[in-house]
Amino acid sequence: MAACGVVRAPSRNAQQEDNFDDDVRASRVLSEEFWKQQFKEFGGTYLPIRDFIPYVGDAGPSCGGQPSVPNNAFYCPDGHFVAYDQAWLEALWTEMGDGSTWLIIPHEIGHAVQAQFESRFQYSIQIELQADCYAGATLAALVRSGAITAEENDDKELLLNLAAAGDPTEDWFNPQAHGTAEQRQQSFARGYRGGVEACQP
């Protein structure tokens, strides 16, 4: 990554305070740079997402004929784009720290990667947990390369964000399930410690 000249976009304003818009932009750009390098190592070519769409409430883009919903971020294979409820994501960023941005955006980029790998799973929860694993692998690589800097208590912040996003109970047959807090934390940690290879079935 360092050899590719990947440098994190500024994430602080003139007062040296965190900036939400820059964190969102950087998490998208650096996640895709990471996957470009990974695909190159695999002998393939990563196809960048075609669009990165902020929306508010129910005013987001449709995907495959289905309307977007508030308080959500999603990857749409029909159009190869990522969309996110900007007000919702910024509220998470404000309340829970920038770890929310560095989890959610790499997670959605992970879904774009799955589409290119043509990944197949029996249950949708497996798709979501692998995307968490990919997010962990992405974040670890960015930290190791120096593209982003880990700060004290970042690990706790990331785990808290994952816990807050976890399902209350385990339900493998629910097509909306993403995994319990523990499952999501474990999947993210597996990718963080073992890289992309650790995320494969």
C-alpha atoms as a PDB file:
ATOM      1  CA  MET A   1       0.000   0.000   0.000  1.00  0.00           C
ATOM      2  CA  ALA A   2       2.748   2.449   0.924  1.00  0.00           C
ATOM      3  CA  ALA A   3       4.452   1.717  -2.391  1.00  0.00           C
ATOM      4  CA  CYS A   4       1.249   2.706  -4.176  1.00  0.00           C
ATOM      5  CA  GLY A   5       1.460   6.168  -2.685  1.00  0.00           C
ATOM      6  CA  VAL A   6      -1.770   5.822  -0.739  1.00  0.00           C
ATOM      7  CA  VAL A   7      -2.050   8.663   1.731  1.00  0.00           C
ATOM      8  CA  ARG A   8      -5.066   9.360   3.883  1.00  0.00           C
ATOM      9  CA  ALA A   9      -7.009  12.466   2.959  1.00  0.00           C
ATOM     10  CA  PRO A  10      -7.004  15.114   5.716  1.00  0.00           C
ATOM     11  CA  SER A  11      -9.615  14.251   8.329  1.00  0.00           C
ATOM     12  CA  ARG A  12      -9.280  17.331  10.483  1.00  0.00           C
ATOM     13  CA  ASN A  13     -10.440  20.889   9.892  1.00  0.00           C
ATOM     14  CA  ALA A  14      -8.479  24.103  10.514  1.00  0.00           C
ATOM     15  CA  GLN A  15      -9.135  23.743  14.240  1.00  0.00           C
ATOM     16  CA  GLN A  16      -7.621  20.230  14.146  1.00  0.00           C
ATOM     17  CA  GLU A  17     -11.014  18.673  14.771  1.00  0.00           C
ATOM     18  CA  ASP A  18     -12.261  15.538  13.048  1.00  0.00           C
ATOM     19  CA  ASN A  19     -14.173  16.164   9.845  1.00  0.00           C
ATOM     20  CA  PHE A  20     -17.014  13.819   8.912  1.00  0.00           C
ATOM     21  CA  ASP A  21     -16.995  14.477   5.167  1.00  0.00           C
ATOM     22  CA  ASP A  22     -13.256  13.839   4.884  1.00  0.00           C
ATOM     23  CA  ASP A  23     -13.545  10.628   6.909  1.00  0.00           C
ATOM     24  CA  VAL A  24     -16.293   9.371   4.587  1.00  0.00           C
ATOM     25  CA  ARG A  25     -14.323  10.320   1.487  1.00  0.00           C
ATOM     26  CA  ALA A  26     -11.083   8.817   2.801  1.00  0.00           C
ATOM     27  CA  SER A  27     -12.716   5.562   3.905  1.00  0.00           C
ATOM     28  CA  ARG A  28     -14.129   5.075   0.408  1.00  0.00           C
ATOM     29  CA  VAL A  29     -10.956   6.034  -1.489  1.00  0.00           C
ATOM     30  CA  LEU A  30      -8.544   4.086   0.703  1.00  0.00           C
ATOM     31  CA  SER A  31     -10.771   1.006   0.855  1.00  0.00           C
ATOM     32  CA  GLU A  32     -10.884   0.889  -2.915  1.00  0.00           C
ATOM     33  CA  GLU A  33      -7.133   1.455  -3.193  1.00  0.00           C
ATOM     34  CA  PHE A  34      -6.629  -1.500  -0.866  1.00  0.00           C
ATOM     35  CA  TRP A  35      -8.813  -3.742  -3.042  1.00  0.00           C
ATOM     36  CA  LYS A  36      -7.135  -2.590  -6.245  1.00  0.00           C
ATOM     37  CA  GLN A  37      -3.866  -3.832  -4.769  1.00  0.00           C
ATOM     38  CA  GLN A  38      -5.435  -7.074  -3.547  1.00  0.00           C
ATOM     39  CA  PHE A  39      -6.970  -7.895  -6.917  1.00  0.00           C
ATOM     40  CA  LYS A  40      -3.652  -7.141  -8.602  1.00  0.00           C
ATOM     41  CA  GLU A  41      -1.953  -9.634  -6.275  1.00  0.00           C
ATOM     42  CA  PHE A  42      -4.663 -12.175  -7.106  1.00  0.00           C
ATOM     43  CA  GLY A  43      -4.021 -11.647 -10.813  1.00  0.00           C
ATOM     44  CA  GLY A  44      -7.252  -9.780 -11.407  1.00  0.00           C
ATOM     45  CA  THR A  45      -8.544  -6.236 -11.762  1.00  0.00           C
ATOM     46  CA  TYR A  46     -10.778  -4.531  -9.222  1.00  0.00           C
ATOM     47  CA  LEU A  47     -13.692  -2.637 -10.756  1.00  0.00           C
ATOM     48  CA  PRO A  48     -14.270   0.533  -8.701  1.00  0.00           C
ATOM     49  CA  ILE A  49     -17.831   1.322  -7.709  1.00  0.00           C
ATOM     50  CA  ARG A  50     -19.549   3.535 -10.261  1.00  0.00           C
ATOM     51  CA  ASP A  51     -21.060   5.927  -7.737  1.00  0.00           C
ATOM     52  CA  PHE A  52     -20.998   6.818  -4.051  1.00  0.00           C
ATOM     53  CA  ILE A  53     -24.329   8.383  -3.174  1.00  0.00           C
ATOM     54  CA  PRO A  54     -25.274  10.269   0.003  1.00  0.00           C
ATOM     55  CA  TYR A  55     -28.979  10.618   0.707  1.00  0.00           C
ATOM     56  CA  VAL A  56     -31.246  11.585   3.595  1.00  0.00           C
ATOM     57  CA  GLY A  57     -34.197   9.596   4.923  1.00  0.00           C
ATOM     58  CA  ASP A  58     -36.201   7.879   2.203  1.00  0.00           C
ATOM     59  CA  ALA A  59     -34.841  10.081  -0.608  1.00  0.00           C
ATOM     60  CA  GLY A  60     -32.133   7.653  -1.659  1.00  0.00           C
ATOM     61  CA  PRO A  61     -31.675   5.756  -4.908  1.00  0.00           C
ATOM     62  CA  SER A  62     -33.593   2.590  -5.638  1.00  0.00           C
ATOM     63  CA  CYS A  63     -31.821  -0.708  -6.177  1.00  0.00           C
ATOM     64  CA  GLY A  64     -33.283  -3.396  -8.387  1.00  0.00           C
ATOM     65  CA  GLY A  65     -36.692  -1.781  -8.081  1.00  0.00           C
ATOM     66  CA  GLN A  66     -36.511  -1.646  -4.274  1.00  0.00           C
ATOM     67  CA  PRO A  67     -36.559   1.794  -2.599  1.00  0.00           C
ATOM     68  CA  SER A  68     -33.806   2.831  -0.238  1.00  0.00           C
ATOM     69  CA  VAL A  69     -34.674   3.139   3.440  1.00  0.00           C
ATOM     70  CA  PRO A  70     -33.650   5.595   6.161  1.00  0.00           C
ATOM     71  CA  ASN A  71     -30.814   4.838   8.582  1.00  0.00           C
ATOM     72  CA  ASN A  72     -28.982   2.573   6.209  1.00  0.00           C
ATOM     73  CA  ALA A  73     -26.008   2.098   3.937  1.00  0.00           C
ATOM     74  CA  PHE A  74     -26.011  -0.406   1.113  1.00  0.00           C
ATOM     75  CA  TYR A  75     -24.222  -1.732  -1.921  1.00  0.00           C
ATOM     76  CA  CYS A  76     -26.351  -2.151  -5.023  1.00  0.00           C
ATOM     77  CA  PRO A  77     -25.104  -4.748  -7.527  1.00  0.00           C
ATOM     78  CA  ASP A  78     -27.639  -3.395 -10.026  1.00  0.00           C
ATOM     79  CA  GLY A  79     -25.640  -0.278 -10.855  1.00  0.00           C
ATOM     80  CA  HIS A  80     -22.515  -1.196  -8.853  1.00  0.00           C
ATOM     81  CA  PHE A  81     -22.814   1.697  -6.403  1.00  0.00           C
ATOM     82  CA  VAL A  82     -22.788   2.374  -2.676  1.00  0.00           C
ATOM     83  CA  ALA A  83     -25.345   4.667  -1.063  1.00  0.00           C
ATOM     84  CA  TYR A  84     -25.654   5.837   2.535  1.00  0.00           C
ATOM     85  CA  ASP A  85     -28.041   7.909   4.628  1.00  0.00           C
ATOM     86  CA  GLN A  86     -25.769  10.861   5.331  1.00  0.00           C
ATOM     87  CA  ALA A  87     -27.705  12.193   8.339  1.00  0.00           C
ATOM     88  CA  TRP A  88     -27.732   8.748   9.955  1.00  0.00           C
ATOM     89  CA  LEU A  89     -24.045   8.073   9.336  1.00  0.00           C
ATOM     90  CA  GLU A  90     -23.039  11.513  10.584  1.00  0.00           C
ATOM     91  CA  ALA A  91     -25.098  10.988  13.741  1.00  0.00           C
ATOM     92  CA  LEU A  92     -23.247   7.702  14.359  1.00  0.00           C
ATOM     93  CA  TRP A  93     -19.940   9.450  13.668  1.00  0.00           C
ATOM     94  CA  THR A  94     -20.818  12.191  16.175  1.00  0.00           C
ATOM     95  CA  GLU A  95     -22.173   9.886  18.877  1.00  0.00           C
ATOM     96  CA  MET A  96     -19.870   6.867  18.550  1.00  0.00           C
ATOM     97  CA  GLY A  97     -16.726   8.240  16.942  1.00  0.00           C
ATOM     98  CA  ASP A  98     -15.176   7.960  13.496  1.00  0.00           C
ATOM     99  CA  GLY A  99     -14.919   4.186  13.871  1.00  0.00           C
ATOM    100  CA  SER A 100     -18.479   4.003  12.539  1.00  0.00           C
ATOM    101  CA  THR A 101     -17.362   5.468   9.223  1.00  0.00           C
ATOM    102  CA  TRP A 102     -14.317   3.202   9.015  1.00  0.00           C
ATOM    103  CA  LEU A 103     -16.527   0.158   9.601  1.00  0.00           C
ATOM    104  CA  ILE A 104     -19.586   0.906   7.508  1.00  0.00           C
ATOM    105  CA  ILE A 105     -17.948   2.144   4.301  1.00  0.00           C
ATOM    106  CA  PRO A 106     -15.351  -0.683   4.081  1.00  0.00           C
ATOM    107  CA  HIS A 107     -18.171  -3.141   4.871  1.00  0.00           C
ATOM    108  CA  GLU A 108     -20.190  -1.892   1.891  1.00  0.00           C
ATOM    109  CA  ILE A 109     -17.115  -1.875  -0.348  1.00  0.00           C
ATOM    110  CA  GLY A 110     -16.696  -5.468   0.844  1.00  0.00           C
ATOM    111  CA  HIS A 111     -20.072  -6.276  -0.711  1.00  0.00           C
ATOM    112  CA  ALA A 112     -18.836  -4.806  -4.001  1.00  0.00           C
ATOM    113  CA  VAL A 113     -15.842  -7.125  -3.741  1.00  0.00           C
ATOM    114  CA  GLN A 114     -18.113 -10.113  -3.107  1.00  0.00           C
ATOM    115  CA  ALA A 115     -20.020  -9.290  -6.276  1.00  0.00           C
ATOM    116  CA  GLN A 116     -16.775  -9.311  -8.261  1.00  0.00           C
ATOM    117  CA  PHE A 117     -15.620 -12.536  -6.656  1.00  0.00           C
ATOM    118  CA  GLU A 118     -19.095 -13.934  -7.398  1.00  0.00           C
ATOM    119  CA  SER A 119     -19.227 -15.194  -3.820  1.00  0.00           C
ATOM    120  CA  ARG A 120     -22.004 -17.664  -3.044  1.00  0.00           C
ATOM    121  CA  PHE A 121     -23.390 -18.441   0.398  1.00  0.00           C
ATOM    122  CA  GLN A 122     -26.332 -20.432   1.682  1.00  0.00           C
ATOM    123  CA  TYR A 123     -27.419 -17.743   4.151  1.00  0.00           C
ATOM    124  CA  SER A 124     -27.410 -13.962   3.855  1.00  0.00           C
ATOM    125  CA  ILE A 125     -25.889 -13.681   7.327  1.00  0.00           C
ATOM    126  CA  GLN A 126     -22.754 -15.330   5.920  1.00  0.00           C
ATOM    127  CA  ILE A 127     -22.533 -12.583   3.316  1.00  0.00           C
ATOM    128  CA  GLU A 128     -22.746  -9.910   6.005  1.00  0.00           C
ATOM    129  CA  LEU A 129     -20.194 -11.512   8.310  1.00  0.00           C
ATOM    130  CA  GLN A 130     -17.717 -11.893   5.457  1.00  0.00           C
ATOM    131  CA  ALA A 131     -18.174  -8.184   4.662  1.00  0.00           C
ATOM    132  CA  ASP A 132     -17.319  -7.455   8.316  1.00  0.00           C
ATOM    133  CA  CYS A 133     -14.234  -9.632   7.922  1.00  0.00           C
ATOM    134  CA  TYR A 134     -13.242  -7.759   4.761  1.00  0.00           C
ATOM    135  CA  ALA A 135     -13.678  -4.477   6.648  1.00  0.00           C
ATOM    136  CA  GLY A 136     -11.291  -5.733   9.324  1.00  0.00           C
ATOM    137  CA  ALA A 137      -8.734  -6.823   6.732  1.00  0.00           C
ATOM    138  CA  THR A 138      -9.005  -3.457   4.987  1.00  0.00           C
ATOM    139  CA  LEU A 139      -8.577  -1.430   8.156  1.00  0.00           C
ATOM    140  CA  ALA A 140      -5.602  -3.489   9.342  1.00  0.00           C
ATOM    141  CA  ALA A 141      -3.836  -3.066   5.998  1.00  0.00           C
ATOM    142  CA  LEU A 142      -4.404   0.689   6.031  1.00  0.00           C
ATOM    143  CA  VAL A 143      -3.009   0.977   9.542  1.00  0.00           C
ATOM    144  CA  ARG A 144       0.026  -1.182   8.717  1.00  0.00           C
ATOM    145  CA  SER A 145       0.757   0.829   5.590  1.00  0.00           C
ATOM    146  CA  GLY A 146       0.602   4.119   7.480  1.00  0.00           C
ATOM    147  CA  ALA A 147      -2.300   5.340   5.340  1.00  0.00           C
ATOM    148  CA  ILE A 148      -4.257   5.869   8.565  1.00  0.00           C
ATOM    149  CA  THR A 149      -3.096   6.057  12.154  1.00  0.00           C
ATOM    150  CA  ALA A 150      -4.611   4.037  14.970  1.00  0.00           C
ATOM    151  CA  GLU A 151      -5.265   6.083  18.082  1.00  0.00           C
ATOM    152  CA  GLU A 152      -5.648   5.027  21.687  1.00  0.00           C
ATOM    153  CA  ASN A 153      -8.959   3.270  22.393  1.00  0.00           C
ATOM    154  CA  ASP A 154      -9.753   2.878  18.678  1.00  0.00           C
ATOM    155  CA  ASP A 155     -10.094  -0.865  19.209  1.00  0.00           C
ATOM    156  CA  LYS A 156     -12.729  -0.344  21.894  1.00  0.00           C
ATOM    157  CA  GLU A 157     -14.566   2.146  19.701  1.00  0.00           C
ATOM    158  CA  LEU A 158     -14.659  -0.290  16.793  1.00  0.00           C
ATOM    159  CA  LEU A 159     -15.952  -3.116  18.987  1.00  0.00           C
ATOM    160  CA  LEU A 160     -18.641  -0.855  20.457  1.00  0.00           C
ATOM    161  CA  ASN A 161     -19.769   0.149  16.970  1.00  0.00           C
ATOM    162  CA  LEU A 162     -19.995  -3.503  15.953  1.00  0.00           C
ATOM    163  CA  ALA A 163     -21.880  -4.377  19.126  1.00  0.00           C
ATOM    164  CA  ALA A 164     -24.387  -1.586  18.495  1.00  0.00           C
ATOM    165  CA  ALA A 165     -24.968  -2.899  14.952  1.00  0.00           C
ATOM    166  CA  GLY A 166     -25.395  -6.522  16.022  1.00  0.00           C
ATOM    167  CA  ASP A 167     -28.670  -8.414  15.882  1.00  0.00           C
ATOM    168  CA  PRO A 168     -30.327  -9.123  19.253  1.00  0.00           C
ATOM    169  CA  THR A 169     -30.486 -12.853  18.555  1.00  0.00           C
ATOM    170  CA  GLU A 170     -28.965 -15.312  16.115  1.00  0.00           C
ATOM    171  CA  ASP A 171     -31.300 -15.947  13.185  1.00  0.00           C
ATOM    172  CA  TRP A 172     -29.664 -17.639  10.209  1.00  0.00           C
ATOM    173  CA  PHE A 173     -32.920 -17.817   8.254  1.00  0.00           C
ATOM    174  CA  ASN A 174     -33.658 -14.084   8.398  1.00  0.00           C
ATOM    175  CA  PRO A 175     -32.575 -12.495   5.088  1.00  0.00           C
ATOM    176  CA  GLN A 176     -32.024  -9.205   6.931  1.00  0.00           C
ATOM    177  CA  ALA A 177     -29.751 -10.693   9.595  1.00  0.00           C
ATOM    178  CA  HIS A 178     -26.202  -9.339   9.926  1.00  0.00           C
ATOM    179  CA  GLY A 179     -25.078 -11.401  12.912  1.00  0.00           C
ATOM    180  CA  THR A 180     -25.056 -10.888  16.655  1.00  0.00           C
ATOM    181  CA  ALA A 181     -22.674  -8.423  18.293  1.00  0.00           C
ATOM    182  CA  GLU A 182     -20.292 -11.259  19.145  1.00  0.00           C
ATOM    183  CA  GLN A 183     -20.416 -12.735  15.638  1.00  0.00           C
ATOM    184  CA  ARG A 184     -19.749  -9.381  14.019  1.00  0.00           C
ATOM    185  CA  GLN A 185     -16.888  -8.593  16.383  1.00  0.00           C
ATOM    186  CA  GLN A 186     -15.333 -12.007  15.780  1.00  0.00           C
ATOM    187  CA  SER A 187     -15.616 -11.694  12.006  1.00  0.00           C
ATOM    188  CA  PHE A 188     -14.087  -8.231  11.986  1.00  0.00           C
ATOM    189  CA  ALA A 189     -11.267  -9.381  14.280  1.00  0.00           C
ATOM    190  CA  ARG A 190     -10.584 -12.396  12.077  1.00  0.00           C
ATOM    191  CA  GLY A 191     -10.030 -10.146   9.081  1.00  0.00           C
ATOM    192  CA  TYR A 192      -8.025  -7.650  11.089  1.00  0.00           C
ATOM    193  CA  ARG A 193      -5.657 -10.325  12.361  1.00  0.00           C
ATOM    194  CA  GLY A 194      -5.518 -12.654   9.377  1.00  0.00           C
ATOM    195  CA  GLY A 195      -6.131 -10.486   6.326  1.00  0.00           C
ATOM    196  CA  VAL A 196      -8.318 -11.251   3.324  1.00  0.00           C
ATOM    197  CA  GLU A 197      -7.320 -14.915   3.258  1.00  0.00           C
ATOM    198  CA  ALA A 198      -8.860 -15.404   6.702  1.00  0.00           C
ATOM    199  CA  CYS A 199     -12.225 -14.220   5.358  1.00  0.00           C
ATOM    200  CA  GLN A 200     -12.622 -16.926   2.759  1.00  0.00           C
ATOM    201  CA  PRO A 201     -15.086 -19.776   3.484  1.00  0.00           C
END
